[in-house]
Amino acid sequence: MSQRTALILFIAVSAGIGIGMLTFFAEKSYPKAVIAGVITAAGCTAGLHSLID
């Protein structure tokens, strides 16, 4: 795994966990928190892939 890939995945997973936690604290719903975290991580991965080159 290259350093670029590791950096992108680390940032994406961190953002996904953060958004998932904030969603859970706001809504008190595990499914909504998981969905928000996964969508955030996927979007962040795609965005960072095009941004970091």
C-alpha atoms as a PDB file:
ATOM      1  CA  MET A   1       0.000   0.000   0.000  1.00  0.00           C
ATOM      2  CA  SER A   2       1.465   3.338  -0.992  1.00  0.00           C
ATOM      3  CA  GLN A   3       1.697   6.322   1.322  1.00  0.00           C
ATOM      4  CA  ARG A   4      -0.855   8.167  -0.817  1.00  0.00           C
ATOM      5  CA  THR A   5      -3.396   5.371  -0.434  1.00  0.00           C
ATOM      6  CA  ALA A   6      -2.782   5.096   3.300  1.00  0.00           C
ATOM      7  CA  LEU A   7      -3.215   8.859   3.738  1.00  0.00           C
ATOM      8  CA  ILE A   8      -6.451   8.938   1.737  1.00  0.00           C
ATOM      9  CA  LEU A   9      -7.920   5.984   3.624  1.00  0.00           C
ATOM     10  CA  PHE A  10      -6.851   7.350   7.017  1.00  0.00           C
ATOM     11  CA  ILE A  11      -8.460  10.736   6.382  1.00  0.00           C
ATOM     12  CA  ALA A  12     -11.611   9.155   4.926  1.00  0.00           C
ATOM     13  CA  VAL A  13     -12.058   6.719   7.818  1.00  0.00           C
ATOM     14  CA  SER A  14     -11.403   9.475  10.362  1.00  0.00           C
ATOM     15  CA  ALA A  15     -14.001  11.719   8.730  1.00  0.00           C
ATOM     16  CA  GLY A  16     -16.491   8.840   8.549  1.00  0.00           C
ATOM     17  CA  ILE A  17     -16.069   8.023  12.225  1.00  0.00           C
ATOM     18  CA  GLY A  18     -16.379  11.681  13.186  1.00  0.00           C
ATOM     19  CA  ILE A  19     -19.539  12.251  11.178  1.00  0.00           C
ATOM     20  CA  GLY A  20     -20.984   8.956  12.412  1.00  0.00           C
ATOM     21  CA  MET A  21     -20.410   9.954  16.022  1.00  0.00           C
ATOM     22  CA  LEU A  22     -21.900  13.405  15.515  1.00  0.00           C
ATOM     23  CA  THR A  23     -24.923  11.892  13.781  1.00  0.00           C
ATOM     24  CA  PHE A  24     -25.420   9.412  16.606  1.00  0.00           C
ATOM     25  CA  PHE A  25     -25.225  12.127  19.253  1.00  0.00           C
ATOM     26  CA  ALA A  26     -27.778  14.207  17.341  1.00  0.00           C
ATOM     27  CA  GLU A  27     -30.233  11.466  16.354  1.00  0.00           C
ATOM     28  CA  LYS A  28     -29.567   8.609  18.850  1.00  0.00           C
ATOM     29  CA  SER A  29     -29.929   6.141  15.990  1.00  0.00           C
ATOM     30  CA  TYR A  30     -27.261   3.566  15.134  1.00  0.00           C
ATOM     31  CA  PRO A  31     -28.475   2.913  11.564  1.00  0.00           C
ATOM     32  CA  LYS A  32     -28.485   6.610  10.671  1.00  0.00           C
ATOM     33  CA  ALA A  33     -25.025   7.047  12.180  1.00  0.00           C
ATOM     34  CA  VAL A  34     -23.601   4.093  10.253  1.00  0.00           C
ATOM     35  CA  ILE A  35     -25.131   5.227   6.970  1.00  0.00           C
ATOM     36  CA  ALA A  36     -23.845   8.776   7.468  1.00  0.00           C
ATOM     37  CA  GLY A  37     -20.370   7.500   8.310  1.00  0.00           C
ATOM     38  CA  VAL A  38     -20.173   5.160   5.329  1.00  0.00           C
ATOM     39  CA  ILE A  39     -21.435   7.798   2.907  1.00  0.00           C
ATOM     40  CA  THR A  40     -18.964  10.322   4.308  1.00  0.00           C
ATOM     41  CA  ALA A  41     -16.051   7.897   4.043  1.00  0.00           C
ATOM     42  CA  ALA A  42     -16.949   6.975   0.463  1.00  0.00           C
ATOM     43  CA  GLY A  43     -17.383  10.579  -0.620  1.00  0.00           C
ATOM     44  CA  CYS A  44     -14.215  11.647   1.135  1.00  0.00           C
ATOM     45  CA  THR A  45     -12.263   8.831  -0.519  1.00  0.00           C
ATOM     46  CA  ALA A  46     -13.467   9.830  -3.974  1.00  0.00           C
ATOM     47  CA  GLY A  47     -12.835  13.506  -3.326  1.00  0.00           C
ATOM     48  CA  LEU A  48      -9.375  13.018  -1.890  1.00  0.00           C
ATOM     49  CA  HIS A  49      -8.432  10.645  -4.715  1.00  0.00           C
ATOM     50  CA  SER A  50      -9.019  13.409  -7.236  1.00  0.00           C
ATOM     51  CA  LEU A  51      -7.543  16.131  -5.001  1.00  0.00           C
ATOM     52  CA  ILE A  52      -4.309  14.458  -3.873  1.00  0.00           C
ATOM     53  CA  ASP A  53      -2.205  13.609  -6.887  1.00  0.00           C
END
